[in-house]
Amino acid sequence: MTEDQRGPANLTEFVRVRGTELRRYGFVLTGDLDEGNDLVQEALIRLSDAWPRVRSKDDPEGFVRVTMVRLHISRWRRRRRERLVAVVPDTAISDADIERLNGDPGLWRMLATLPPRQRAVLVLRYYEDLADEDIAGRIGVSRNTVRSLAARGLAKLRTQTFDAVHDLGSV
């Protein structure tokens, strides 16, 4: 196998080729463009330390994505409590590429209301199309916890959808 067939020869080339997709993944995972960019940056820093080992296994993107999920969950664990702010931030989606690719910005706004672990499970299940076992391995929980988080997240999304439709009917 030649070097070109194995993938990018250096970290700079990898970031140039996959950077935009990793930013989208960070946004979908966190529900916040800036926080998603921070995840990408931190994961790429860790990738730079491990580049020779990761590149030889031909899966730098998998390494970065798993690192992003783990970093996201670690951050969530550190910030379990809500932080009160003087002004509520605008939660509208600003990444036009995601809106174009996925069509329904309302879906992303609804996902942003979920707790981070529920959102991560749903993103990995439906956006990444991973099986429960793979999700459990990526986020470090049991398969049953993945199923429970997915069920609770979907139930909350269903409730939000029902409420939104009901509100439209009463206008």
C-alpha atoms as a PDB file:
ATOM      1  CA  MET A   1       0.000   0.000   0.000  1.00  0.00           C
ATOM      2  CA  THR A   2       1.466   3.361  -0.954  1.00  0.00           C
ATOM      3  CA  GLU A   3       1.438   6.375   1.322  1.00  0.00           C
ATOM      4  CA  ASP A   4      -1.257   8.081  -0.772  1.00  0.00           C
ATOM      5  CA  GLN A   5      -3.558   5.080  -0.434  1.00  0.00           C
ATOM      6  CA  ARG A   6      -3.151   4.981   3.346  1.00  0.00           C
ATOM      7  CA  GLY A   7      -4.258   8.539   3.859  1.00  0.00           C
ATOM      8  CA  PRO A   8      -2.703  11.896   4.683  1.00  0.00           C
ATOM      9  CA  ALA A   9       1.062  11.840   5.079  1.00  0.00           C
ATOM     10  CA  ASN A  10       1.078  14.502   7.784  1.00  0.00           C
ATOM     11  CA  LEU A  11      -1.160  16.134  10.330  1.00  0.00           C
ATOM     12  CA  THR A  12      -1.482  19.376   8.371  1.00  0.00           C
ATOM     13  CA  GLU A  13      -2.846  17.518   5.345  1.00  0.00           C
ATOM     14  CA  PHE A  14      -5.293  15.576   7.547  1.00  0.00           C
ATOM     15  CA  VAL A  15      -6.644  18.795   9.089  1.00  0.00           C
ATOM     16  CA  ARG A  16      -6.919  20.433   5.653  1.00  0.00           C
ATOM     17  CA  VAL A  17      -8.895  17.491   4.244  1.00  0.00           C
ATOM     18  CA  ARG A  18     -11.106  16.587   7.250  1.00  0.00           C
ATOM     19  CA  GLY A  19     -11.259  19.830   9.267  1.00  0.00           C
ATOM     20  CA  THR A  20     -14.664  21.026   8.059  1.00  0.00           C
ATOM     21  CA  GLU A  21     -16.307  17.651   8.685  1.00  0.00           C
ATOM     22  CA  LEU A  22     -14.778  17.482  12.167  1.00  0.00           C
ATOM     23  CA  ARG A  23     -16.151  20.971  12.933  1.00  0.00           C
ATOM     24  CA  ARG A  24     -19.625  19.825  11.857  1.00  0.00           C
ATOM     25  CA  TYR A  25     -19.299  16.749  14.045  1.00  0.00           C
ATOM     26  CA  GLY A  26     -18.251  18.932  16.980  1.00  0.00           C
ATOM     27  CA  PHE A  27     -21.286  21.140  16.462  1.00  0.00           C
ATOM     28  CA  VAL A  28     -23.678  18.199  16.237  1.00  0.00           C
ATOM     29  CA  LEU A  29     -22.149  16.654  19.327  1.00  0.00           C
ATOM     30  CA  THR A  30     -22.271  19.783  21.501  1.00  0.00           C
ATOM     31  CA  GLY A  31     -25.105  21.816  19.993  1.00  0.00           C
ATOM     32  CA  ASP A  32     -22.840  24.880  20.118  1.00  0.00           C
ATOM     33  CA  LEU A  33     -20.527  25.997  17.322  1.00  0.00           C
ATOM     34  CA  ASP A  34     -17.860  27.513  19.584  1.00  0.00           C
ATOM     35  CA  GLU A  35     -17.819  24.580  21.988  1.00  0.00           C
ATOM     36  CA  GLY A  36     -17.673  22.201  19.016  1.00  0.00           C
ATOM     37  CA  ASN A  37     -14.685  24.100  17.625  1.00  0.00           C
ATOM     38  CA  ASP A  38     -13.006  23.874  21.029  1.00  0.00           C
ATOM     39  CA  LEU A  39     -13.550  20.106  21.029  1.00  0.00           C
ATOM     40  CA  VAL A  40     -11.987  19.815  17.577  1.00  0.00           C
ATOM     41  CA  GLN A  41      -9.007  21.905  18.633  1.00  0.00           C
ATOM     42  CA  GLU A  42      -8.375  19.885  21.790  1.00  0.00           C
ATOM     43  CA  ALA A  43      -8.780  16.578  19.930  1.00  0.00           C
ATOM     44  CA  LEU A  44      -6.330  17.715  17.238  1.00  0.00           C
ATOM     45  CA  ILE A  45      -3.804  18.700  19.917  1.00  0.00           C
ATOM     46  CA  ARG A  46      -4.063  15.187  21.308  1.00  0.00           C
ATOM     47  CA  LEU A  47      -3.807  13.756  17.791  1.00  0.00           C
ATOM     48  CA  SER A  48      -0.589  15.713  17.185  1.00  0.00           C
ATOM     49  CA  ASP A  49       0.964  14.022  20.229  1.00  0.00           C
ATOM     50  CA  ALA A  50      -0.136  10.589  18.998  1.00  0.00           C
ATOM     51  CA  TRP A  51       0.249  11.164  15.224  1.00  0.00           C
ATOM     52  CA  PRO A  52       3.000   8.588  14.490  1.00  0.00           C
ATOM     53  CA  ARG A  53       1.095   5.838  16.309  1.00  0.00           C
ATOM     54  CA  VAL A  54      -2.372   6.795  15.004  1.00  0.00           C
ATOM     55  CA  ARG A  55      -1.254   7.346  11.404  1.00  0.00           C
ATOM     56  CA  SER A  56       0.318   3.908  11.279  1.00  0.00           C
ATOM     57  CA  LYS A  57      -3.093   2.417  12.124  1.00  0.00           C
ATOM     58  CA  ASP A  58      -4.683   4.297   9.196  1.00  0.00           C
ATOM     59  CA  ASP A  59      -7.533   5.777  11.272  1.00  0.00           C
ATOM     60  CA  PRO A  60      -6.733   9.304  12.460  1.00  0.00           C
ATOM     61  CA  GLU A  61     -10.340  10.432  12.022  1.00  0.00           C
ATOM     62  CA  GLY A  62     -11.644   7.650  14.236  1.00  0.00           C
ATOM     63  CA  PHE A  63      -9.115   8.665  16.892  1.00  0.00           C
ATOM     64  CA  VAL A  64     -10.235  12.302  16.697  1.00  0.00           C
ATOM     65  CA  ARG A  65     -13.958  11.461  16.835  1.00  0.00           C
ATOM     66  CA  VAL A  66     -13.580   9.144  19.831  1.00  0.00           C
ATOM     67  CA  THR A  67     -11.432  11.773  21.545  1.00  0.00           C
ATOM     68  CA  MET A  68     -14.086  14.427  20.864  1.00  0.00           C
ATOM     69  CA  VAL A  69     -16.842  12.281  22.394  1.00  0.00           C
ATOM     70  CA  ARG A  70     -14.749  11.536  25.465  1.00  0.00           C
ATOM     71  CA  LEU A  71     -13.752  15.186  25.900  1.00  0.00           C
ATOM     72  CA  HIS A  72     -17.393  16.261  25.531  1.00  0.00           C
ATOM     73  CA  ILE A  73     -18.541  13.846  28.224  1.00  0.00           C
ATOM     74  CA  SER A  74     -15.663  14.841  30.519  1.00  0.00           C
ATOM     75  CA  ARG A  75     -16.607  18.497  30.160  1.00  0.00           C
ATOM     76  CA  TRP A  76     -20.230  17.674  30.842  1.00  0.00           C
ATOM     77  CA  ARG A  77     -19.293  15.820  34.009  1.00  0.00           C
ATOM     78  CA  ARG A  78     -17.299  18.817  35.216  1.00  0.00           C
ATOM     79  CA  ARG A  79     -20.203  21.191  34.557  1.00  0.00           C
ATOM     80  CA  ARG A  80     -23.136  19.191  35.823  1.00  0.00           C
ATOM     81  CA  ARG A  81     -24.785  22.212  37.330  1.00  0.00           C
ATOM     82  CA  GLU A  82     -26.349  24.894  35.220  1.00  0.00           C
ATOM     83  CA  ARG A  83     -24.577  28.208  35.199  1.00  0.00           C
ATOM     84  CA  LEU A  84     -26.720  31.276  35.632  1.00  0.00           C
ATOM     85  CA  VAL A  85     -26.040  34.053  33.163  1.00  0.00           C
ATOM     86  CA  ALA A  86     -27.316  37.594  32.941  1.00  0.00           C
ATOM     87  CA  VAL A  87     -28.333  37.263  29.288  1.00  0.00           C
ATOM     88  CA  VAL A  88     -29.660  34.097  27.683  1.00  0.00           C
ATOM     89  CA  PRO A  89     -27.486  33.304  24.643  1.00  0.00           C
ATOM     90  CA  ASP A  90     -29.038  32.987  21.213  1.00  0.00           C
ATOM     91  CA  THR A  91     -29.352  29.284  20.408  1.00  0.00           C
ATOM     92  CA  ALA A  92     -30.057  29.687  16.704  1.00  0.00           C
ATOM     93  CA  ILE A  93     -27.941  27.602  14.383  1.00  0.00           C
ATOM     94  CA  SER A  94     -25.365  29.688  12.609  1.00  0.00           C
ATOM     95  CA  ASP A  95     -23.593  27.079  10.505  1.00  0.00           C
ATOM     96  CA  ALA A  96     -25.309  27.318   7.114  1.00  0.00           C
ATOM     97  CA  ASP A  97     -23.592  24.157   5.886  1.00  0.00           C
ATOM     98  CA  ILE A  98     -25.282  22.058   8.549  1.00  0.00           C
ATOM     99  CA  GLU A  99     -28.666  23.606   7.749  1.00  0.00           C
ATOM    100  CA  ARG A 100     -28.176  22.899   4.034  1.00  0.00           C
ATOM    101  CA  LEU A 101     -26.951  19.358   4.585  1.00  0.00           C
ATOM    102  CA  ASN A 102     -29.556  18.362   7.119  1.00  0.00           C
ATOM    103  CA  GLY A 103     -32.473  20.544   6.124  1.00  0.00           C
ATOM    104  CA  ASP A 104     -34.222  21.028   9.463  1.00  0.00           C
ATOM    105  CA  PRO A 105     -32.659  23.590  11.809  1.00  0.00           C
ATOM    106  CA  GLY A 106     -35.497  22.931  14.260  1.00  0.00           C
ATOM    107  CA  LEU A 107     -34.127  19.453  14.825  1.00  0.00           C
ATOM    108  CA  TRP A 108     -30.732  20.844  15.833  1.00  0.00           C
ATOM    109  CA  ARG A 109     -32.381  23.353  18.178  1.00  0.00           C
ATOM    110  CA  MET A 110     -34.324  20.521  19.806  1.00  0.00           C
ATOM    111  CA  LEU A 111     -31.177  18.381  20.125  1.00  0.00           C
ATOM    112  CA  ALA A 112     -29.434  21.317  21.801  1.00  0.00           C
ATOM    113  CA  THR A 113     -32.010  21.173  24.622  1.00  0.00           C
ATOM    114  CA  LEU A 114     -31.044  17.617  25.578  1.00  0.00           C
ATOM    115  CA  PRO A 115     -28.518  16.871  28.310  1.00  0.00           C
ATOM    116  CA  PRO A 116     -25.051  16.257  26.813  1.00  0.00           C
ATOM    117  CA  ARG A 117     -24.971  12.473  27.311  1.00  0.00           C
ATOM    118  CA  GLN A 118     -28.419  11.985  25.755  1.00  0.00           C
ATOM    119  CA  ARG A 119     -27.452  14.225  22.842  1.00  0.00           C
ATOM    120  CA  ALA A 120     -24.147  12.371  22.393  1.00  0.00           C
ATOM    121  CA  VAL A 121     -25.905   8.999  22.306  1.00  0.00           C
ATOM    122  CA  LEU A 122     -28.500  10.176  19.787  1.00  0.00           C
ATOM    123  CA  VAL A 123     -25.842  11.800  17.581  1.00  0.00           C
ATOM    124  CA  LEU A 124     -23.720   8.660  17.629  1.00  0.00           C
ATOM    125  CA  ARG A 125     -26.724   6.431  16.962  1.00  0.00           C
ATOM    126  CA  TYR A 126     -28.481   8.416  14.223  1.00  0.00           C
ATOM    127  CA  TYR A 127     -25.843  10.784  12.775  1.00  0.00           C
ATOM    128  CA  GLU A 128     -22.894   8.372  12.993  1.00  0.00           C
ATOM    129  CA  ASP A 129     -25.121   5.272  12.561  1.00  0.00           C
ATOM    130  CA  LEU A 130     -23.333   3.324  15.299  1.00  0.00           C
ATOM    131  CA  ALA A 131     -24.641   0.275  17.139  1.00  0.00           C
ATOM    132  CA  ASP A 132     -25.305   0.461  20.886  1.00  0.00           C
ATOM    133  CA  GLU A 133     -22.191  -1.607  21.637  1.00  0.00           C
ATOM    134  CA  ASP A 134     -19.998   0.802  19.663  1.00  0.00           C
ATOM    135  CA  ILE A 135     -21.574   3.830  21.358  1.00  0.00           C
ATOM    136  CA  ALA A 136     -21.033   2.245  24.779  1.00  0.00           C
ATOM    137  CA  GLY A 137     -17.379   1.704  23.959  1.00  0.00           C
ATOM    138  CA  ARG A 138     -16.886   5.255  22.736  1.00  0.00           C
ATOM    139  CA  ILE A 139     -18.445   6.985  25.728  1.00  0.00           C
ATOM    140  CA  GLY A 140     -17.421   4.488  28.381  1.00  0.00           C
ATOM    141  CA  VAL A 141     -20.805   3.257  29.623  1.00  0.00           C
ATOM    142  CA  SER A 142     -22.720  -0.020  29.431  1.00  0.00           C
ATOM    143  CA  ARG A 143     -24.950  -0.940  26.501  1.00  0.00           C
ATOM    144  CA  ASN A 144     -27.988  -0.696  28.785  1.00  0.00           C
ATOM    145  CA  THR A 145     -27.021   2.850  29.758  1.00  0.00           C
ATOM    146  CA  VAL A 146     -26.820   3.741  26.066  1.00  0.00           C
ATOM    147  CA  ARG A 147     -30.315   2.364  25.538  1.00  0.00           C
ATOM    148  CA  SER A 148     -31.653   4.213  28.572  1.00  0.00           C
ATOM    149  CA  LEU A 149     -30.075   7.515  27.492  1.00  0.00           C
ATOM    150  CA  ALA A 150     -31.435   7.072  23.961  1.00  0.00           C
ATOM    151  CA  ALA A 151     -34.940   6.263  25.223  1.00  0.00           C
ATOM    152  CA  ARG A 152     -34.997   9.295  27.530  1.00  0.00           C
ATOM    153  CA  GLY A 153     -33.625  11.575  24.817  1.00  0.00           C
ATOM    154  CA  LEU A 154     -36.140  10.376  22.248  1.00  0.00           C
ATOM    155  CA  ALA A 155     -38.981  10.730  24.756  1.00  0.00           C
ATOM    156  CA  LYS A 156     -37.987  14.333  25.426  1.00  0.00           C
ATOM    157  CA  LEU A 157     -37.790  15.050  21.674  1.00  0.00           C
ATOM    158  CA  ARG A 158     -41.240  13.498  21.174  1.00  0.00           C
ATOM    159  CA  THR A 159     -42.662  15.682  23.955  1.00  0.00           C
ATOM    160  CA  GLN A 160     -41.098  18.796  22.438  1.00  0.00           C
ATOM    161  CA  THR A 161     -42.480  17.908  19.016  1.00  0.00           C
ATOM    162  CA  PHE A 162     -45.962  17.270  20.429  1.00  0.00           C
ATOM    163  CA  ASP A 163     -45.865  20.549  22.362  1.00  0.00           C
ATOM    164  CA  ALA A 164     -44.743  22.474  19.280  1.00  0.00           C
ATOM    165  CA  VAL A 165     -47.527  20.980  17.143  1.00  0.00           C
ATOM    166  CA  HIS A 166     -50.075  21.616  19.909  1.00  0.00           C
ATOM    167  CA  ASP A 167     -48.928  25.253  20.206  1.00  0.00           C
ATOM    168  CA  LEU A 168     -49.351  25.723  16.456  1.00  0.00           C
ATOM    169  CA  GLY A 169     -52.896  24.393  16.648  1.00  0.00           C
ATOM    170  CA  SER A 170     -53.917  26.832  19.376  1.00  0.00           C
ATOM    171  CA  VAL A 171     -52.685  29.930  17.529  1.00  0.00           C
END
